[in-house]
Amino acid sequence: MSLKWCPCPHCSTRSGGITGGLRPYLLEHFDALRGFYADAAERHLVVVLWWD
């Protein structure tokens, strides 16, 4: 899986993978999602997820 789109420091664009272990990578991304949903809830917004 290529992670060229990910701006976090745990994703290496040179190697195309996660560097420094999976835990810091997942924690950063889950924290970002949690912050996004908390902000949406505070603003009384609806978040819709859709995938095929």
Protein backbone atom coordinates (compact mmCIF):
# COMPACT_ATOMS: atom_id res chain seq x y z
CA MET A 1 0.00 0.00 0.00
CA SER A 2 1.40 3.37 -0.96
CA LEU A 3 1.18 6.08 1.68
CA LYS A 4 2.32 9.01 -0.46
CA TRP A 5 -0.84 10.95 0.40
CA CYS A 6 -0.31 10.82 4.17
CA PRO A 7 1.39 13.85 5.75
CA CYS A 8 2.16 12.25 9.12
CA PRO A 9 5.80 11.70 10.15
CA HIS A 10 5.29 7.93 10.48
CA CYS A 11 4.60 7.41 6.77
CA SER A 12 7.64 7.23 4.58
CA THR A 13 7.22 8.42 1.01
CA ARG A 14 10.62 6.96 0.13
CA SER A 15 9.89 3.41 1.28
CA GLY A 16 6.14 3.58 0.65
CA GLY A 17 5.35 2.22 4.09
CA ILE A 18 4.99 2.97 7.78
CA THR A 19 8.16 3.76 9.71
CA GLY A 20 8.63 3.68 13.47
CA GLY A 21 6.03 1.02 14.20
CA LEU A 22 2.32 0.67 13.75
CA ARG A 23 1.26 1.97 17.18
CA PRO A 24 2.36 5.63 16.73
CA TYR A 25 0.86 5.65 13.23
CA LEU A 26 -2.53 4.35 14.39
CA LEU A 27 -2.61 6.58 17.50
CA GLU A 28 -2.03 9.71 15.44
CA HIS A 29 -4.71 8.82 12.90
CA PHE A 30 -7.30 7.69 15.47
CA ASP A 31 -6.70 10.87 17.49
CA ALA A 32 -7.25 12.94 14.33
CA LEU A 33 -10.51 11.09 13.61
CA ARG A 34 -11.69 11.45 17.18
CA GLY A 35 -10.97 15.18 17.06
CA PHE A 36 -12.84 15.49 13.78
CA TYR A 37 -15.93 13.71 15.11
CA ALA A 38 -15.86 15.65 18.41
CA ASP A 39 -15.73 18.94 16.49
CA ALA A 40 -18.57 17.82 14.21
CA ALA A 41 -20.69 16.85 17.22
CA GLU A 42 -19.98 20.17 18.92
CA ARG A 43 -21.18 21.99 15.81
CA HIS A 44 -24.25 19.70 15.54
CA LEU A 45 -23.11 18.41 12.15
CA VAL A 46 -23.93 15.04 10.66
CA VAL A 47 -21.13 12.85 9.37
CA VAL A 48 -22.04 10.32 6.68
CA LEU A 49 -19.79 7.39 5.82
CA TRP A 50 -20.26 5.58 2.54
CA TRP A 51 -18.22 2.85 0.91
CA ASP A 52 -18.81 0.27 -1.75
